[in-house]
């Protein structure tokens, strides 16, 4: 991977960095903010997002709002910090962190979602912005990773500074604390989604019994089953999703046989019968066994990826490395952006929906493969249509997001 820009350059620059800056190199395009989102309300405590604009102030933002920045490239997790933005009640231009009168105002540690290529800033529990007040969210650009600013995974800096103006609602009546992912929330969603599924199954059984004496039992059952499905769907909406992104119903990651890893643990890859009889099968490739939750914990948690081991400290999982990808943990609970497993899934273009594979994303997937994440993508091809992620009925994109959500929630292995 290419070396980062030399230290000592200007920390922030309102304009794009000069073409001859040290950070410029072949096939390393500047990082850009594609969109900035805020909360305009809540649906069962899930934020309803509104896009912020650089050209006009956006009205109606909740005083408890979080803020999500979506980038066009994969971000270097080390540069995801509270100091990379400024949120303050002002409309004048802020050119650097030093000019920010309220740096990281009440914000928690930001969360990086490598699947969405997004960074979310939430307010501290109980913290609120002032009602009916104009605010500006400034995103800093920097030429050195030693100063606040976002960088792409290969060290390319943010193209320029971004500023988004908005105005909060007149009161805080609709405000709620936007909580980060946690094991408790993940298990609550799992429990609720399973209860909904059980209720739907029971409802259909009752329908069959109730319609047995009907003159037209098939018509009766069809109508009744439609009501059961609608009931279950209504139940899942408030409790079966994590932050409105991916429903838990798409796959169970904590069961004895996690269906979501079907393409990895149940093909001749990271299982090979090793969990069933170690004497009859060779250990799975690179020591990673994904055939069960227990096997995954034993081989992936706290284990450095073999493919990312470089240098004198290769055996030590790197929480915030000087070089992206060096000695990265296979699974870093609560941090999908620093989990090698997620990137092995990201470099498989088939894990994305077709409409997501815009040329820019496809190009960045190739850069990720060439410069930081070696080896074959996951799942590997073992048949004509095998190298895609997902359990039956779930899309690869949804399954990929679910794995990232699961890791962000602490990589829960049991809700007992």
Protein backbone atom coordinates (compact mmCIF):
# COMPACT_ATOMS: atom_id res chain seq x y z
CA UNK A 1 0.00 0.00 0.00
CA UNK A 2 1.17 3.48 -0.77
CA UNK A 3 2.74 5.60 1.92
CA UNK A 4 0.70 8.30 3.61
CA UNK A 5 1.26 11.99 3.15
CA UNK A 6 4.22 13.42 4.99
CA UNK A 7 3.45 15.18 8.26
CA UNK A 8 3.83 18.91 8.58
CA UNK A 9 1.42 20.01 5.88
CA UNK A 10 -1.51 22.27 6.62
CA UNK A 11 -4.13 20.66 8.85
CA UNK A 12 -7.17 22.00 7.04
CA UNK A 13 -7.91 23.71 3.76
CA UNK A 14 -11.23 25.07 2.56
CA UNK A 15 -10.29 24.38 -1.06
CA UNK A 16 -9.18 21.11 -2.64
CA UNK A 17 -5.55 20.22 -1.82
CA UNK A 18 -3.07 21.19 -4.53
CA UNK A 19 -2.48 18.72 -7.34
CA UNK A 20 1.19 18.35 -6.42
CA UNK A 21 0.52 17.59 -2.74
CA UNK A 22 2.33 14.60 -1.24
CA UNK A 23 -0.93 12.69 -0.83
CA UNK A 24 -1.53 12.52 -4.60
CA UNK A 25 -0.57 9.34 -6.40
CA UNK A 26 -1.72 7.02 -9.12
CA UNK A 27 -5.24 5.56 -8.81
CA UNK A 28 -5.91 6.97 -5.39
CA UNK A 29 -8.87 9.35 -5.85
CA UNK A 30 -9.78 11.82 -3.16
CA UNK A 31 -12.39 10.82 -0.60
CA UNK A 32 -15.72 12.64 -0.94
CA UNK A 33 -18.87 13.03 1.16
CA UNK A 34 -21.75 11.79 -0.97
CA UNK A 35 -24.49 12.74 1.48
CA UNK A 36 -25.12 13.98 5.01
CA UNK A 37 -28.23 12.86 6.88
CA UNK A 38 -29.98 14.04 10.05
CA UNK A 39 -33.06 12.87 11.97
CA UNK A 40 -36.33 14.65 11.19
CA UNK A 41 -38.41 12.31 13.37
CA UNK A 42 -38.72 8.76 14.62
CA UNK A 43 -40.73 5.70 13.63
CA UNK A 44 -40.82 3.33 16.60
CA UNK A 45 -37.59 4.99 17.83
CA UNK A 46 -35.88 4.39 14.48
CA UNK A 47 -34.62 7.69 12.96
CA UNK A 48 -36.40 9.03 9.90
CA UNK A 49 -33.60 10.59 7.86
CA UNK A 50 -33.53 13.86 5.94
CA UNK A 51 -30.68 14.94 3.66
CA UNK A 52 -28.74 18.06 4.62
CA UNK A 53 -27.67 20.54 1.95
CA UNK A 54 -24.56 22.63 1.40
CA UNK A 55 -26.55 25.32 -0.41
CA UNK A 56 -29.55 25.90 1.87
CA UNK A 57 -30.43 25.34 5.51
CA UNK A 58 -32.58 22.28 6.21
CA UNK A 59 -35.51 22.86 8.58
CA UNK A 60 -37.15 20.46 11.01
CA UNK A 61 -34.19 18.56 12.47
CA UNK A 62 -34.87 16.88 15.82
CA UNK A 63 -32.97 18.27 18.82
CA UNK A 64 -31.85 14.70 19.61
CA UNK A 65 -30.70 14.04 16.04
CA UNK A 66 -27.70 11.95 15.11
CA UNK A 67 -25.74 12.74 11.94
CA UNK A 68 -24.65 10.26 9.31
CA UNK A 69 -22.01 11.00 6.67
CA UNK A 70 -21.97 8.75 3.61
CA UNK A 71 -18.68 8.53 1.69
CA UNK A 72 -17.93 7.43 -1.86
CA UNK A 73 -14.98 5.26 -0.79
CA UNK A 74 -14.02 2.97 2.10
CA UNK A 75 -12.80 5.05 5.04
CA UNK A 76 -9.65 4.55 7.12
CA UNK A 77 -11.09 3.72 10.59
CA UNK A 78 -8.19 5.39 12.39
CA UNK A 79 -9.37 8.79 11.11
CA UNK A 80 -12.96 8.35 12.32
CA UNK A 81 -12.92 10.63 15.37
CA UNK A 82 -15.19 13.22 16.99
CA UNK A 83 -12.62 15.88 16.18
CA UNK A 84 -13.12 15.31 12.43
CA UNK A 85 -16.31 17.40 12.57
CA UNK A 86 -17.55 20.56 14.24
CA UNK A 87 -21.17 20.94 15.32
CA UNK A 88 -22.09 24.33 16.72
CA UNK A 89 -24.84 26.91 16.75
CA UNK A 90 -23.32 29.24 14.22
CA UNK A 91 -23.52 30.00 10.52
CA UNK A 92 -20.06 31.50 10.03
CA UNK A 93 -17.32 29.56 8.31
CA UNK A 94 -15.17 27.27 10.44
CA UNK A 95 -11.81 26.56 8.83
CA UNK A 96 -10.16 24.39 11.50
CA UNK A 97 -10.78 22.61 14.77
CA UNK A 98 -9.21 25.56 16.59
CA UNK A 99 -11.99 27.81 15.28
CA UNK A 100 -14.70 25.46 16.53
CA UNK A 101 -16.07 26.95 19.75
CA UNK A 102 -17.89 23.73 20.70
CA UNK A 103 -15.82 20.83 19.35
CA UNK A 104 -17.49 17.41 19.55
CA UNK A 105 -20.43 19.02 21.33
CA UNK A 106 -22.01 16.25 23.36
CA UNK A 107 -21.14 13.63 20.72
CA UNK A 108 -20.31 10.02 21.43
CA UNK A 109 -17.52 8.08 19.73
CA UNK A 110 -18.58 7.89 16.05
CA UNK A 111 -19.55 4.57 14.51
CA UNK A 112 -18.08 3.50 11.16
CA UNK A 113 -20.17 1.20 8.98
CA UNK A 114 -17.89 -0.20 6.24
CA UNK A 115 -20.81 -1.75 4.32
CA UNK A 116 -22.60 1.58 3.91
CA UNK A 117 -19.28 3.49 3.93
CA UNK A 118 -20.87 5.76 6.52
CA UNK A 119 -19.92 7.40 9.80
CA UNK A 120 -22.62 8.16 12.40
CA UNK A 121 -22.25 10.76 15.13
CA UNK A 122 -24.75 10.48 17.99
CA UNK A 123 -25.41 12.79 20.91
CA UNK A 124 -24.73 11.70 24.45
CA UNK A 125 -27.81 10.20 26.21
CA UNK A 126 -29.90 13.08 27.50
CA UNK A 127 -28.05 15.67 25.42
CA UNK A 128 -30.12 17.90 23.14
CA UNK A 129 -29.49 20.66 20.64
CA UNK A 130 -31.26 23.95 21.35
CA UNK A 131 -34.78 24.20 19.86
CA UNK A 132 -35.43 26.58 16.96
CA UNK A 133 -31.72 27.20 16.52
CA UNK A 134 -29.54 27.38 13.40
CA UNK A 135 -26.60 24.97 13.42
CA UNK A 136 -23.70 24.20 11.12
CA UNK A 137 -22.05 20.81 10.73
CA UNK A 138 -18.52 21.18 9.35
CA UNK A 139 -16.51 18.21 8.09
CA UNK A 140 -12.78 18.87 8.20
CA UNK A 141 -10.27 18.05 5.47
CA UNK A 142 -6.62 17.46 6.24
CA UNK A 143 -3.42 16.61 4.41
CA UNK A 144 -1.94 14.75 7.39
CA UNK A 145 -3.61 11.89 9.27
CA UNK A 146 -2.03 13.31 12.42
CA UNK A 147 -4.56 16.16 12.35
CA UNK A 148 -8.39 15.85 12.37
CA UNK A 149 -9.94 14.86 9.06
CA UNK A 150 -11.27 11.82 7.21
CA UNK A 151 -9.07 9.69 4.91
CA UNK A 152 -9.82 6.81 2.57
CA UNK A 153 -8.40 3.40 3.54
CA UNK A 154 -5.39 3.93 1.25
CA UNK A 155 -4.49 7.32 2.75
CA UNK A 156 -6.23 9.56 0.20
CA UNK A 157 -7.56 12.62 2.05
CA UNK A 158 -10.97 14.23 1.91
CA UNK A 159 -11.28 16.32 -1.24
CA UNK A 160 -12.33 19.49 0.62
CA UNK A 161 -14.17 20.74 3.67
CA UNK A 162 -17.95 20.34 3.74
CA UNK A 163 -20.46 22.52 5.60
CA UNK A 164 -24.14 21.71 6.17
CA UNK A 165 -26.58 24.19 7.72
CA UNK A 166 -29.81 23.17 9.42
CA UNK A 167 -32.37 24.44 11.92
CA UNK A 168 -33.80 22.43 14.78
CA UNK A 169 -37.50 22.04 15.53
CA UNK A 170 -39.23 24.58 17.74
CA UNK A 171 -39.45 22.15 20.66
CA UNK A 172 -38.01 18.87 21.90
CA UNK A 173 -41.33 17.05 22.33
CA UNK A 174 -40.43 14.39 19.78
CA UNK A 175 -36.82 13.93 20.90
CA UNK A 176 -35.54 10.49 21.94
CA UNK A 177 -32.09 9.24 22.80
CA UNK A 178 -30.53 7.60 19.74
CA UNK A 179 -28.64 4.71 21.26
CA UNK A 180 -25.61 3.02 19.67
CA UNK A 181 -25.63 -0.71 18.88
CA UNK A 182 -25.35 -2.94 21.94
CA UNK A 183 -25.72 -6.57 22.93
CA UNK A 184 -28.93 -5.71 24.79
CA UNK A 185 -30.52 -4.09 21.74
CA UNK A 186 -29.38 -6.88 19.47
CA UNK A 187 -30.86 -9.57 21.71
CA UNK A 188 -34.10 -7.60 22.11
CA UNK A 189 -34.42 -7.47 18.32
CA UNK A 190 -33.63 -11.18 18.02
CA UNK A 191 -36.18 -12.12 20.69
CA UNK A 192 -38.88 -9.92 19.22
CA UNK A 193 -38.39 -11.11 15.65
CA UNK A 194 -38.50 -14.75 16.73
CA UNK A 195 -41.65 -14.11 18.77
CA UNK A 196 -43.25 -12.55 15.70
CA UNK A 197 -42.32 -15.55 13.58
CA UNK A 198 -43.76 -17.91 16.19
CA UNK A 199 -46.96 -15.86 16.39
CA UNK A 200 -47.35 -15.97 12.62
CA UNK A 201 -46.86 -19.76 12.58
CA UNK A 202 -49.40 -20.20 15.36
CA UNK A 203 -51.82 -17.90 13.59
CA UNK A 204 -51.67 -19.96 10.40
CA UNK A 205 -52.27 -23.16 12.38
CA UNK A 206 -55.31 -21.56 13.96
CA UNK A 207 -56.49 -20.45 10.51
CA UNK A 208 -56.36 -24.01 9.22
CA UNK A 209 -58.46 -25.25 12.14
CA UNK A 210 -60.95 -22.37 11.94
CA UNK A 211 -61.46 -22.75 8.18
CA UNK A 212 -61.88 -26.53 8.22
CA UNK A 213 -65.68 -26.31 8.29
CA UNK A 214 -65.93 -23.36 5.89
CA UNK A 215 -67.67 -24.04 2.54
CA UNK A 216 -64.61 -22.66 0.76
CA UNK A 217 -61.71 -23.59 3.08
CA UNK A 218 -58.94 -22.58 0.66
CA UNK A 219 -60.38 -19.07 0.20
CA UNK A 220 -60.91 -18.80 3.94
CA UNK A 221 -57.32 -19.87 4.69
CA UNK A 222 -55.89 -17.47 2.11
CA UNK A 223 -57.72 -14.54 3.70
CA UNK A 224 -56.83 -15.61 7.21
CA UNK A 225 -53.16 -16.22 6.36
CA UNK A 226 -53.00 -12.77 4.78
CA UNK A 227 -54.10 -11.29 8.10
CA UNK A 228 -51.46 -13.37 9.90
CA UNK A 229 -48.71 -12.08 7.63
CA UNK A 230 -49.84 -8.48 8.06
CA UNK A 231 -49.90 -8.96 11.83
CA UNK A 232 -46.39 -10.38 11.90
CA UNK A 233 -45.08 -7.64 9.62
CA UNK A 234 -46.56 -4.95 11.87
CA UNK A 235 -44.88 -6.62 14.83
CA UNK A 236 -41.45 -6.80 13.20
CA UNK A 237 -41.27 -3.17 12.15
CA UNK A 238 -40.76 -1.65 15.63
CA UNK A 239 -38.64 -4.42 17.13
CA UNK A 240 -37.08 -6.61 14.45
CA UNK A 241 -34.67 -4.09 12.92
CA UNK A 242 -31.45 -2.48 14.08
CA UNK A 243 -31.39 1.25 13.35
CA UNK A 244 -33.77 0.70 10.46
CA UNK A 245 -31.01 -0.92 8.41
CA UNK A 246 -31.38 -4.68 8.47
CA UNK A 247 -34.04 -6.89 10.00
CA UNK A 248 -32.89 -9.68 12.25
CA UNK A 249 -35.27 -12.01 10.41
CA UNK A 250 -32.73 -12.11 7.57
CA UNK A 251 -30.64 -14.61 9.49
CA UNK A 252 -29.65 -15.85 12.91
CA UNK A 253 -26.01 -15.31 13.77
CA UNK A 254 -26.07 -16.84 17.23
CA UNK A 255 -27.76 -20.19 16.70
CA UNK A 256 -25.96 -23.51 16.84
CA UNK A 257 -25.87 -23.49 13.02
CA UNK A 258 -25.78 -19.80 12.02
CA UNK A 259 -27.65 -19.76 8.72
CA UNK A 260 -26.18 -16.43 7.70
CA UNK A 261 -22.75 -18.05 7.24
CA UNK A 262 -24.09 -20.83 5.02
CA UNK A 263 -21.79 -19.90 2.15
CA UNK A 264 -18.72 -19.88 4.41
CA UNK A 265 -19.18 -22.55 7.05
CA UNK A 266 -21.18 -25.14 5.15
CA UNK A 267 -19.19 -25.46 1.95
CA UNK A 268 -15.71 -27.02 1.71
CA UNK A 269 -14.22 -23.86 3.21
CA UNK A 270 -14.25 -22.84 6.88
CA UNK A 271 -15.70 -26.06 8.27
CA UNK A 272 -14.74 -29.25 6.39
CA UNK A 273 -16.26 -31.34 9.17
CA UNK A 274 -13.54 -30.24 11.59
CA UNK A 275 -16.11 -29.37 14.25
CA UNK A 276 -17.80 -32.77 13.95
CA UNK A 277 -14.72 -35.02 14.12
CA UNK A 278 -11.28 -33.35 14.29
CA UNK A 279 -9.59 -36.71 13.67
CA UNK A 280 -11.23 -37.14 10.25
CA UNK A 281 -10.67 -33.71 8.74
CA UNK A 282 -7.89 -31.20 8.41
CA UNK A 283 -8.31 -27.90 10.25
CA UNK A 284 -10.25 -25.31 8.24
CA UNK A 285 -8.30 -22.87 6.04
CA UNK A 286 -6.20 -20.38 7.99
CA UNK A 287 -7.61 -21.78 11.23
CA UNK A 288 -11.01 -20.06 10.83
CA UNK A 289 -13.94 -22.33 11.72
CA UNK A 290 -17.37 -20.79 11.00
CA UNK A 291 -19.50 -23.90 11.37
CA UNK A 292 -21.01 -22.82 14.70
CA UNK A 293 -21.10 -19.87 17.08
CA UNK A 294 -18.75 -21.65 19.50
CA UNK A 295 -16.27 -22.47 16.73
CA UNK A 296 -16.38 -18.89 15.47
CA UNK A 297 -15.62 -17.52 18.92
CA UNK A 298 -12.72 -19.92 19.40
CA UNK A 299 -11.04 -19.14 16.08
CA UNK A 300 -11.97 -15.54 15.22
CA UNK A 301 -12.37 -13.50 18.41
CA UNK A 302 -9.09 -11.92 19.45
CA UNK A 303 -7.29 -13.68 16.61
CA UNK A 304 -5.20 -11.80 14.09
CA UNK A 305 -5.88 -12.60 10.46
CA UNK A 306 -3.06 -14.67 8.96
CA UNK A 307 -3.36 -12.74 5.71
CA UNK A 308 -2.83 -9.40 7.43
CA UNK A 309 0.22 -10.39 9.46
CA UNK A 310 3.16 -8.20 8.57
CA UNK A 311 6.10 -6.74 10.44
CA UNK A 312 7.57 -7.37 13.85
CA UNK A 313 4.20 -7.11 15.66
CA UNK A 314 2.34 -9.33 13.22
CA UNK A 315 0.83 -11.56 15.89
CA UNK A 316 -0.81 -8.67 17.75
CA UNK A 317 -4.29 -7.56 16.67
CA UNK A 318 -4.01 -3.90 15.71
CA UNK A 319 -6.82 -1.75 17.14
CA UNK A 320 -5.79 1.41 15.27
CA UNK A 321 -2.91 0.70 12.97
CA UNK A 322 -0.54 3.09 11.29
CA UNK A 323 -1.30 1.20 8.10
CA UNK A 324 -4.77 -0.01 7.19
CA UNK A 325 -5.02 -3.82 7.14
CA UNK A 326 -1.85 -4.57 9.13
CA UNK A 327 -2.38 -7.28 11.79
CA UNK A 328 -6.14 -6.72 11.71
CA UNK A 329 -8.34 -8.88 13.98
CA UNK A 330 -10.59 -11.40 12.23
CA UNK A 331 -13.50 -10.10 14.33
CA UNK A 332 -13.12 -7.03 16.51
CA UNK A 333 -16.33 -6.98 18.61
CA UNK A 334 -18.13 -3.59 18.41
CA UNK A 335 -15.88 -2.51 15.53
CA UNK A 336 -16.83 -3.87 12.08
CA UNK A 337 -14.50 -1.32 10.47
CA UNK A 338 -11.55 -3.10 12.06
CA UNK A 339 -12.72 -6.67 11.38
CA UNK A 340 -10.87 -8.53 8.62
CA UNK A 341 -13.86 -10.83 8.07
CA UNK A 342 -16.03 -7.89 6.97
CA UNK A 343 -13.47 -6.78 4.39
CA UNK A 344 -13.12 -10.32 3.01
CA UNK A 345 -16.86 -10.13 2.36
CA UNK A 346 -16.65 -6.59 0.99
CA UNK A 347 -14.12 -7.51 -1.70
CA UNK A 348 -16.64 -9.97 -3.17
CA UNK A 349 -18.71 -7.81 -5.51
CA UNK A 350 -21.40 -10.49 -5.60
CA UNK A 351 -22.27 -9.65 -1.99
CA UNK A 352 -23.70 -6.33 -3.18
CA UNK A 353 -27.04 -5.80 -4.90
CA UNK A 354 -26.62 -5.06 -8.62
CA UNK A 355 -27.86 -1.48 -8.23
CA UNK A 356 -25.16 -0.88 -5.59
CA UNK A 357 -22.31 -1.74 -7.93
CA UNK A 358 -21.85 1.70 -9.38
CA UNK A 359 -18.48 2.08 -11.15
CA UNK A 360 -16.94 4.07 -8.28
CA UNK A 361 -17.74 1.34 -5.73
CA UNK A 362 -16.58 -1.42 -8.04
CA UNK A 363 -13.28 0.41 -8.53
CA UNK A 364 -12.81 0.81 -4.77
CA UNK A 365 -13.49 -2.89 -4.21
CA UNK A 366 -10.66 -3.64 -6.65
CA UNK A 367 -8.37 -1.18 -4.83
CA UNK A 368 -9.20 -2.86 -1.53
CA UNK A 369 -8.29 -6.26 -3.00
CA UNK A 370 -5.10 -5.01 -4.62
CA UNK A 371 -3.77 -2.85 -1.82
CA UNK A 372 -4.93 -4.09 1.58
CA UNK A 373 -7.03 -7.27 1.71
CA UNK A 374 -5.16 -10.22 0.14
CA UNK A 375 -6.48 -13.64 -0.76
CA UNK A 376 -9.76 -14.79 -2.25
CA UNK A 377 -13.02 -12.97 -1.52
CA UNK A 378 -15.53 -14.64 0.78
CA UNK A 379 -17.47 -16.76 0.19
CA UNK A 380 -15.18 -18.47 -2.30
CA UNK A 381 -16.65 -20.04 -5.42
CA UNK A 382 -17.33 -23.74 -4.91
CA UNK A 383 -20.02 -24.09 -7.58
CA UNK A 384 -21.76 -22.22 -10.42
CA UNK A 385 -23.73 -19.95 -8.07
CA UNK A 386 -22.11 -20.46 -4.69
CA UNK A 387 -19.89 -17.47 -4.04
CA UNK A 388 -22.49 -15.20 -2.55
CA UNK A 389 -23.41 -14.53 1.04
CA UNK A 390 -26.82 -15.11 2.56
CA UNK A 391 -29.26 -17.55 4.01
CA UNK A 392 -32.32 -18.71 2.12
CA UNK A 393 -34.67 -15.82 1.43
CA UNK A 394 -32.19 -13.08 2.34
CA UNK A 395 -30.31 -10.95 -0.14
CA UNK A 396 -26.53 -10.86 -0.05
CA UNK A 397 -26.57 -7.12 0.63
CA UNK A 398 -28.92 -7.56 3.62
CA UNK A 399 -26.83 -10.44 4.95
CA UNK A 400 -23.62 -8.43 4.62
CA UNK A 401 -25.19 -5.53 6.51
CA UNK A 402 -26.51 -7.88 9.18
CA UNK A 403 -23.03 -9.24 9.87
CA UNK A 404 -21.71 -5.69 10.21
CA UNK A 405 -24.61 -4.83 12.57
CA UNK A 406 -23.94 -7.97 14.59
CA UNK A 407 -20.26 -7.09 15.05
CA UNK A 408 -21.17 -3.47 15.88
CA UNK A 409 -23.47 -4.80 18.62
CA UNK A 410 -20.55 -6.64 20.19
CA UNK A 411 -20.64 -9.88 18.16
CA UNK A 412 -23.20 -11.42 20.50
CA UNK A 413 -22.93 -15.20 20.77
CA UNK A 414 -25.68 -15.86 23.29
CA UNK A 415 -28.77 -14.02 24.50
CA UNK A 416 -29.38 -16.45 27.37
